[in-house]
Protein backbone atom coordinates (compact mmCIF):
# COMPACT_ATOMS: atom_id res chain seq x y z
CA UNK A 1 6.55 -9.84 4.75
CA UNK A 2 2.90 -10.68 3.85
CA UNK A 3 2.10 -11.72 0.23
CA UNK A 4 -0.56 -13.64 -1.60
CA UNK A 5 -1.26 -15.63 -4.80
CA UNK A 6 -1.55 -12.70 -7.28
CA UNK A 7 0.35 -11.10 -10.06
CA UNK A 8 1.65 -8.34 -7.77
CA UNK A 9 3.49 -11.02 -5.74
CA UNK A 10 5.37 -12.48 -8.70
CA UNK A 11 8.57 -10.50 -8.07
CA UNK A 12 8.86 -12.17 -4.63
CA UNK A 13 8.38 -15.70 -6.02
CA UNK A 14 10.72 -14.98 -8.91
CA UNK A 15 13.38 -13.62 -6.57
CA UNK A 16 13.32 -16.83 -4.52
CA UNK A 17 13.43 -19.10 -7.64
CA UNK A 18 17.19 -19.18 -7.81
CA UNK A 19 19.83 -21.18 -5.92
CA UNK A 20 22.30 -18.22 -6.05
CA UNK A 21 19.81 -15.80 -4.58
CA UNK A 22 18.88 -18.31 -1.83
CA UNK A 23 22.65 -18.54 -1.01
CA UNK A 24 22.73 -14.70 -0.94
CA UNK A 25 19.84 -14.63 1.53
CA UNK A 26 21.59 -17.19 3.70
CA UNK A 27 24.81 -15.14 3.83
CA UNK A 28 22.93 -11.92 4.50
CA UNK A 29 20.99 -13.48 7.36
CA UNK A 30 24.28 -13.37 9.35
CA UNK A 31 25.58 -9.91 8.49
CA UNK A 32 25.57 -7.11 6.05
CA UNK A 33 27.77 -7.69 3.03
CA UNK A 34 29.18 -5.76 -0.04
CA UNK A 35 28.95 -7.04 -3.53
CA UNK A 36 32.64 -7.75 -3.42
CA UNK A 37 32.29 -9.87 -0.22
CA UNK A 38 29.39 -11.94 -1.71
CA UNK A 39 31.27 -12.38 -5.01
CA UNK A 40 34.34 -13.72 -3.07
CA UNK A 41 32.31 -16.18 -0.88
CA UNK A 42 30.06 -17.43 -3.67
CA UNK A 43 32.93 -17.49 -6.25
CA UNK A 44 31.01 -15.37 -8.79
CA UNK A 45 31.70 -12.09 -10.45
CA UNK A 46 30.65 -8.81 -9.09
CA UNK A 47 28.30 -8.22 -12.10
CA UNK A 48 26.38 -11.46 -11.58
CA UNK A 49 26.10 -10.83 -7.79
CA UNK A 50 24.75 -7.30 -8.44
CA UNK A 51 22.16 -8.64 -10.92
CA UNK A 52 20.84 -11.08 -8.32
CA UNK A 53 20.85 -8.44 -5.49
CA UNK A 54 18.80 -6.06 -7.74
CA UNK A 55 16.17 -8.73 -8.13
CA UNK A 56 16.07 -9.28 -4.41
CA UNK A 57 15.83 -5.63 -3.79
CA UNK A 58 12.98 -5.17 -6.35
CA UNK A 59 11.09 -7.90 -4.44
CA UNK A 60 11.64 -6.02 -1.10
CA UNK A 61 13.78 -8.79 0.32
CA UNK A 62 17.06 -6.95 0.63
CA UNK A 63 17.98 -3.35 0.92
CA UNK A 64 21.06 -1.40 -0.14
CA UNK A 65 22.72 1.11 2.22
CA UNK A 66 26.04 3.02 2.51
CA UNK A 67 28.59 2.17 5.15
CA UNK A 68 31.45 4.65 4.69
CA UNK A 69 32.41 4.48 1.00
CA UNK A 70 31.04 1.03 0.54
CA UNK A 71 27.61 -0.01 -0.68
CA UNK A 72 26.40 -2.98 1.37
CA UNK A 73 23.26 -5.18 1.27
CA UNK A 74 21.21 -6.23 4.25
CA UNK A 75 18.30 -8.56 4.66
CA UNK A 76 15.07 -6.65 5.01
CA UNK A 77 12.65 -9.39 6.11
CA UNK A 78 12.84 -12.34 8.50
CA UNK A 79 9.82 -14.25 7.21
CA UNK A 80 7.39 -14.38 4.19
CA UNK A 81 3.79 -15.39 4.76
CA UNK A 82 1.93 -16.49 1.68
CA UNK A 83 -1.88 -16.39 1.92
CA UNK A 84 -3.86 -18.66 -0.46
CA UNK A 85 -7.38 -17.88 -1.54
CA UNK A 86 -9.88 -19.04 1.12
CA UNK A 87 -12.31 -21.83 0.23
CA UNK A 88 -15.92 -20.82 0.55
CA UNK A 89 -18.46 -23.33 1.72
CA UNK A 90 -20.95 -22.96 -1.24
CA UNK A 91 -23.42 -25.31 0.37
CA UNK A 92 -24.21 -22.64 3.01
CA UNK A 93 -25.67 -19.20 2.22
CA UNK A 94 -24.08 -16.41 4.21
CA UNK A 95 -24.52 -12.90 5.45
CA UNK A 96 -21.38 -10.72 5.17
CA UNK A 97 -20.55 -7.44 7.00
CA UNK A 98 -17.47 -5.27 7.07
CA UNK A 99 -17.15 -2.85 9.95
CA UNK A 100 -14.48 -0.03 9.73
CA UNK A 101 -11.83 -0.16 12.35
CA UNK A 102 -12.95 3.27 13.61
CA UNK A 103 -16.52 2.16 14.24
CA UNK A 104 -15.84 0.60 17.67
CA UNK A 105 -18.65 1.02 20.21
CA UNK A 106 -16.69 0.53 23.39
CA UNK A 107 -12.97 0.79 24.49
CA UNK A 108 -10.55 1.08 27.31
CA UNK A 109 -7.00 1.73 26.17
CA UNK A 110 -3.67 2.93 27.48
CA UNK A 111 -0.78 4.68 25.58
CA UNK A 112 0.90 4.16 23.30
CA UNK A 113 -2.35 4.61 21.43
CA UNK A 114 -3.86 6.47 18.60
CA UNK A 115 -5.89 6.59 15.41
CA UNK A 116 -4.91 7.36 11.85
CA UNK A 117 -6.96 8.42 8.83
CA UNK A 118 -6.18 8.70 5.18
CA UNK A 119 -4.67 12.17 5.49
CA UNK A 120 -3.28 12.44 9.07
CA UNK A 121 -3.50 11.34 12.65
CA UNK A 122 -7.00 11.70 14.31
CA UNK A 123 -6.62 13.88 17.31
CA UNK A 124 -3.61 13.63 19.52
CA UNK A 125 -1.46 10.53 19.66
CA UNK A 126 -1.21 8.77 23.09
CA UNK A 127 -4.34 10.54 24.39
CA UNK A 128 -7.19 7.92 24.93
CA UNK A 129 -9.81 10.72 25.01
CA UNK A 130 -9.52 10.96 21.27
CA UNK A 131 -10.83 7.42 20.93
CA UNK A 132 -14.25 9.20 21.39
CA UNK A 133 -13.51 11.88 18.84
CA UNK A 134 -16.41 11.78 16.38
CA UNK A 135 -13.82 11.72 13.57
CA UNK A 136 -12.82 8.26 14.78
CA UNK A 137 -15.28 6.69 12.39
CA UNK A 138 -12.99 7.59 9.45
CA UNK A 139 -9.97 5.91 11.11
CA UNK A 140 -8.17 3.26 8.91
CA UNK A 141 -5.68 2.27 11.63
CA UNK A 142 -5.89 2.13 15.38
CA UNK A 143 -3.48 0.96 18.05
CA UNK A 144 -3.13 0.68 21.76
CA UNK A 145 -1.21 -1.06 24.50
CA UNK A 146 -3.29 -2.45 27.40
CA UNK A 147 -7.00 -2.70 27.28
CA UNK A 148 -9.56 -3.47 24.52
CA UNK A 149 -11.70 -2.18 21.71
CA UNK A 150 -15.14 -3.58 20.93
CA UNK A 151 -17.32 -3.65 17.80
CA UNK A 152 -20.90 -4.49 17.05
CA UNK A 153 -21.91 -6.47 14.06
CA UNK A 154 -25.55 -6.84 12.93
CA UNK A 155 -27.14 -10.25 13.39
CA UNK A 156 -29.03 -10.76 10.07
CA UNK A 157 -30.04 -14.41 10.80
CA UNK A 158 -33.67 -14.96 10.28
CA UNK A 159 -35.87 -16.99 12.60
CA UNK A 160 -35.50 -20.14 10.44
CA UNK A 161 -31.77 -19.73 9.74
CA UNK A 162 -29.52 -22.19 11.59
CA UNK A 163 -25.95 -20.75 12.09
CA UNK A 164 -23.49 -23.29 10.89
CA UNK A 165 -20.27 -21.34 10.87
CA UNK A 166 -18.97 -17.85 11.81
CA UNK A 167 -15.83 -16.31 10.16
CA UNK A 168 -14.06 -13.27 11.40
CA UNK A 169 -11.26 -11.81 9.36
CA UNK A 170 -9.00 -8.86 10.14
CA UNK A 171 -5.35 -7.59 9.71
CA UNK A 172 -3.62 -7.35 13.06
CA UNK A 173 -0.21 -6.60 14.46
CA UNK A 174 1.54 -5.66 17.74
CA UNK A 175 2.09 -2.23 19.00
CA UNK A 176 5.60 -0.73 19.74
CA UNK A 177 6.56 2.97 19.85
CA UNK A 178 7.50 3.44 16.22
CA UNK A 179 7.90 -0.24 15.34
CA UNK A 180 9.60 -3.45 16.14
CA UNK A 181 9.52 -6.37 13.71
CA UNK A 182 10.11 -8.84 16.63
CA UNK A 183 7.72 -7.81 19.33
CA UNK A 184 5.30 -10.62 20.27
CA UNK A 185 1.94 -9.76 21.65
CA UNK A 186 -0.92 -11.89 23.01
CA UNK A 187 -4.14 -10.65 21.44
CA UNK A 188 -7.30 -12.18 22.89
CA UNK A 189 -10.59 -12.52 20.83
CA UNK A 190 -14.08 -12.31 22.41
CA UNK A 191 -17.44 -12.78 20.69
CA UNK A 192 -20.63 -11.95 22.61
CA UNK A 193 -18.73 -11.77 25.87
CA UNK A 194 -17.17 -15.28 25.44
CA UNK A 195 -13.44 -15.49 25.37
CA UNK A 196 -12.56 -17.47 22.17
CA UNK A 197 -8.77 -17.73 22.45
CA UNK A 198 -5.45 -15.83 22.28
CA UNK A 199 -3.22 -15.41 19.30
CA UNK A 200 0.40 -14.15 19.55
CA UNK A 201 1.25 -11.54 17.02
CA UNK A 202 4.94 -11.84 16.00
CA UNK A 203 5.61 -8.13 15.69
CA UNK A 204 4.84 -4.53 14.72
CA UNK A 205 6.10 -4.40 11.10
CA UNK A 206 7.80 -1.59 9.21
CA UNK A 207 10.46 -3.63 7.27
CA UNK A 208 8.63 -2.57 4.07
CA UNK A 209 5.81 -0.19 3.47
CA UNK A 210 2.21 -1.48 3.47
CA UNK A 211 0.72 -1.91 0.06
CA UNK A 212 -2.15 0.43 0.94
CA UNK A 213 -0.77 2.46 3.79
CA UNK A 214 -1.02 6.21 2.88
CA UNK A 215 2.11 8.08 1.78
CA UNK A 216 1.93 10.45 4.81
CA UNK A 217 2.56 7.62 7.25
CA UNK A 218 6.32 7.65 8.23
CA UNK A 219 8.38 4.64 7.09
CA UNK A 220 9.30 3.80 10.68
CA UNK A 221 5.88 3.23 12.08
CA UNK A 222 3.22 0.48 11.82
CA UNK A 223 2.97 -0.37 8.09
CA UNK A 224 1.05 -3.69 7.89
CA UNK A 225 -0.09 -6.63 9.98
CA UNK A 226 -0.96 -10.32 9.56
CA UNK A 227 -4.31 -11.33 8.05
CA UNK A 228 -6.06 -13.68 10.41
CA UNK A 229 -9.26 -15.62 10.00
CA UNK A 230 -10.99 -16.87 13.13
CA UNK A 231 -13.59 -19.57 12.39
CA UNK A 232 -16.21 -20.93 14.87
CA UNK A 233 -18.05 -24.12 14.07
CA UNK A 234 -20.10 -26.76 16.03
CA UNK A 235 -16.81 -28.61 16.59
CA UNK A 236 -14.66 -25.71 18.02
CA UNK A 237 -12.72 -22.77 16.83
CA UNK A 238 -10.03 -22.64 14.21
CA UNK A 239 -7.41 -20.08 13.32
CA UNK A 240 -6.17 -20.09 9.63
CA UNK A 241 -7.81 -23.48 9.39
CA UNK A 242 -5.95 -24.96 12.27
CA UNK A 243 -7.48 -26.03 15.56
CA UNK A 244 -7.45 -23.16 17.98
CA UNK A 245 -9.62 -23.73 21.06
CA UNK A 246 -12.56 -25.87 22.17
CA UNK A 247 -15.02 -22.93 22.21
CA UNK A 248 -17.81 -23.66 19.63
CA UNK A 249 -20.94 -21.95 18.26
CA UNK A 250 -22.94 -23.59 21.12
CA UNK A 251 -21.00 -21.48 23.63
CA UNK A 252 -22.32 -18.21 21.99
CA UNK A 253 -25.64 -16.49 22.54
CA UNK A 254 -26.57 -16.18 18.81
CA UNK A 255 -30.08 -14.83 19.36
CA UNK A 256 -29.03 -11.30 20.14
CA UNK A 257 -29.56 -8.41 17.67
CA UNK A 258 -25.89 -8.00 17.30
CA UNK A 259 -22.61 -9.90 17.55
CA UNK A 260 -20.15 -8.06 19.72
CA UNK A 261 -16.45 -8.57 18.83
CA UNK A 262 -13.66 -7.58 21.25
CA UNK A 263 -9.90 -7.43 20.77
CA UNK A 264 -8.10 -7.24 24.08
CA UNK A 265 -4.65 -7.18 25.67
CA UNK A 266 -4.76 -8.63 29.16
CA UNK A 267 -2.76 -6.95 31.93
CA UNK A 268 -1.32 -10.34 32.90
CA UNK A 269 -0.54 -11.42 29.24
CA UNK A 270 2.75 -13.27 28.90
CA UNK A 271 3.55 -11.18 25.76
CA UNK A 272 2.13 -7.78 26.59
CA UNK A 273 2.93 -6.12 23.30
CA UNK A 274 -0.23 -4.15 22.38
CA UNK A 275 -2.43 -4.34 19.35
CA UNK A 276 -2.79 -2.52 15.96
CA UNK A 277 -5.77 -3.08 13.73
CA UNK A 278 -5.44 -2.19 9.97
CA UNK A 279 -8.53 -1.41 7.90
CA UNK A 280 -9.47 -0.13 4.49
CA UNK A 281 -6.74 2.08 3.00
CA UNK A 282 -3.99 0.77 5.35
CA UNK A 283 -1.81 -2.34 5.63
CA UNK A 284 -1.60 -5.10 2.92
CA UNK A 285 -5.25 -6.24 2.50
CA UNK A 286 -7.42 -3.07 2.03
CA UNK A 287 -10.24 -4.57 4.10
CA UNK A 288 -12.13 -3.63 7.22
CA UNK A 289 -13.08 -6.15 9.96
CA UNK A 290 -15.19 -8.77 8.23
CA UNK A 291 -17.76 -11.13 9.60
CA UNK A 292 -19.48 -13.85 7.63
CA UNK A 293 -22.43 -15.84 9.06
CA UNK A 294 -22.87 -19.19 7.12
CA UNK A 295 -26.28 -20.67 7.69
CA UNK A 296 -28.58 -23.49 6.50
């Protein structure tokens, strides 16, 4: 589950702010349990247990289902990522561009693959030819197994601007037919033809619906990803503020008219689990692929 520091996330934090509910989560991490089973093990009344389960369910942490004549609860998430507001380096001016996920300029993909818009799939699923369909520019979600997609960002740096930092932000996940919450995939980032590094996506998530994913998208397919921020400085690259690789701004050709950005799945990747990119109107963050060029 992906969440952030906002009022809409309060149900999650409130649900976790209880020793009883934490004990319930621990119990459900081993197996599905009925209200009566939980009440017996925790030595509490059925009424109190049900109250706590309802709060966990409202937060999307547990889910109720029927097993025969019994109503049981099961854990719906295996991790919760909390994203804090990002610090902006105010001493640098910056140029900011968001490119929709359907505005790629080059690609080579293999099934399973496809594109989705706000009302339906775009073209036929699992047919790479539709990645050249003119309607692709309205896509809010794209996915593929092996191969890559590449985007072009304008280089607005003026002659006297010195690039001090480059940020690339996007919502990414793995790709599995329908979905698989535990499906690691090695996604490699390239900028201007230079390989920056590889991040392993933990899965292709459908444990809960994406905050912005359209209603027409079935519950059992890609719902949301993980928001990642790749940062390049003169000292190297960083992912979510943590050291990533030794590739720095000096390794890039920054005098071109555009910055090319490629997301790729290598054929020899240890975790060959595909890639899904979520853009505006899909996933949990309602943003396209964003680039910021900080300069002095």
